[in-house]
Every structure is written in structure tokens, then in C-alpha cells.
Amino acid sequence: MADSTVPHFHNTLGVAVIEIGAREFMCIGAEPPFDHPHVFLDMGDATEIICPYCSTLFRFDGALDAHVARPPECSLKQAAA
């Protein structure tokens, strides 16, 4: 189970769209301490979803790794366990 961590993304940059390689992920808004409640989002079969807290539009791109975002700064780097 340790290999299946849920990707976390943020929009500290304030971009209109973040392309990601995951359909299930957490949006945290901005980087702490300016984050919003961490919300789990599931696109299902769709290719886009809007965060209900920060209104960031996330767009799925199957060419990206699950933990990768475009722009890359929007991927929250997880501390090594």
C-alpha cells in the first residue's frame, strides 16, 4: 500500500488550468500555510474537474506520471518516508 500514495496538487501560482497525470488526487489549494481543506477529487471517466474550494480546473493528461503536474511547480512534493 505504501506505493499507492494519493498525489497532491496545489495552485500557489494561480494558473487557470493544471494538467495532471492522475484522475484521483488531493487538491490543497496553495502551499501551506495558505492551503485550504485538503479535498479528495475523483474525475471518474471525465478528463476535467474543478476544485470546489479554490475553483482550480484540473485536466487529465495520460502522458504524465500520476504525481506529475504541468506546470511542474503545482505538484506537492511528498516527504520521503
Protein backbone atom coordinates (compact mmCIF):
# COMPACT_ATOMS: atom_id res chain seq x y z
CA MET A 1 0.00 0.00 0.00
CA ALA A 2 2.89 2.41 0.54
CA ASP A 3 3.39 2.57 -3.24
CA SER A 4 -0.13 3.89 -3.82
CA THR A 5 0.03 7.30 -2.18
CA VAL A 6 -2.57 9.75 -3.44
CA PRO A 7 -0.99 12.55 -5.48
CA HIS A 8 -1.35 16.06 -4.01
CA PHE A 9 -1.50 19.19 -6.14
CA HIS A 10 -1.70 22.91 -5.35
CA ASN A 11 -2.25 26.15 -7.24
CA THR A 12 0.06 28.54 -5.43
CA LEU A 13 0.94 30.02 -8.84
CA GLY A 14 -2.69 30.90 -9.53
CA VAL A 15 -2.77 29.37 -13.01
CA ALA A 16 -6.06 28.84 -14.86
CA VAL A 17 -5.51 25.12 -15.61
CA ILE A 18 -3.30 22.43 -14.11
CA GLU A 19 -2.70 19.34 -16.21
CA ILE A 20 -2.12 16.21 -14.13
CA GLY A 21 -1.44 12.52 -14.70
CA ALA A 22 -3.98 11.24 -12.14
CA ARG A 23 -7.77 11.02 -12.12
CA GLU A 24 -7.89 10.62 -8.32
CA PHE A 25 -5.92 13.15 -6.26
CA MET A 26 -5.94 15.71 -3.46
CA CYS A 27 -6.17 19.45 -4.03
CA ILE A 28 -4.75 21.52 -1.18
CA GLY A 29 -5.31 24.98 -2.71
CA ALA A 30 -1.99 26.71 -2.10
CA GLU A 31 1.14 25.56 -0.34
CA PRO A 32 0.91 25.60 3.48
CA PRO A 33 0.27 27.70 5.44
CA PHE A 34 -2.12 29.14 2.82
CA ASP A 35 -3.77 25.83 1.96
CA HIS A 36 -7.49 25.10 2.04
CA PRO A 37 -9.01 21.88 3.46
CA HIS A 38 -7.37 19.05 1.58
CA VAL A 39 -10.09 17.66 -0.65
CA PHE A 40 -10.07 14.31 -2.48
CA LEU A 41 -11.20 14.70 -6.08
CA ASP A 42 -12.15 11.86 -8.43
CA MET A 43 -12.64 12.60 -12.13
CA GLY A 44 -14.15 9.19 -12.84
CA ASP A 45 -14.30 8.86 -16.63
CA ALA A 46 -14.14 12.62 -17.18
CA THR A 47 -11.00 14.46 -18.23
CA GLU A 48 -11.56 17.63 -16.16
CA ILE A 49 -12.70 18.57 -12.67
CA ILE A 50 -12.95 21.85 -10.75
CA CYS A 51 -11.94 22.03 -7.10
CA PRO A 52 -14.98 23.17 -5.08
CA TYR A 53 -12.76 25.18 -2.69
CA CYS A 54 -10.33 27.10 -4.91
CA SER A 55 -12.02 26.72 -8.33
CA THR A 56 -8.84 25.38 -9.93
CA LEU A 57 -9.52 23.47 -13.14
CA PHE A 58 -7.60 20.19 -13.25
CA ARG A 59 -7.24 18.47 -16.64
CA PHE A 60 -6.14 14.83 -17.02
CA ASP A 61 -3.20 14.09 -19.33
CA GLY A 62 -2.49 10.37 -19.61
CA ALA A 63 1.02 11.07 -20.88
CA LEU A 64 2.01 12.38 -17.43
CA ASP A 65 3.00 10.26 -14.43
CA ALA A 66 0.34 10.21 -11.66
CA HIS A 67 2.39 12.53 -9.42
CA VAL A 68 3.38 14.98 -12.17
CA ALA A 69 1.70 18.28 -12.98
CA ARG A 70 2.04 20.84 -15.71
CA PRO A 71 3.25 23.35 -14.60
CA PRO A 72 5.55 21.11 -12.53
CA GLU A 73 5.59 23.54 -9.57
CA CYS A 74 1.94 22.57 -8.88
CA SER A 75 2.85 19.06 -7.74
CA LEU A 76 3.24 18.87 -3.97
CA LYS A 77 6.47 17.08 -3.18
CA GLN A 78 5.84 14.43 -0.54
CA ALA A 79 8.43 13.96 2.20
CA ALA A 80 10.29 10.68 1.92
CA ALA A 81 9.06 8.14 4.46
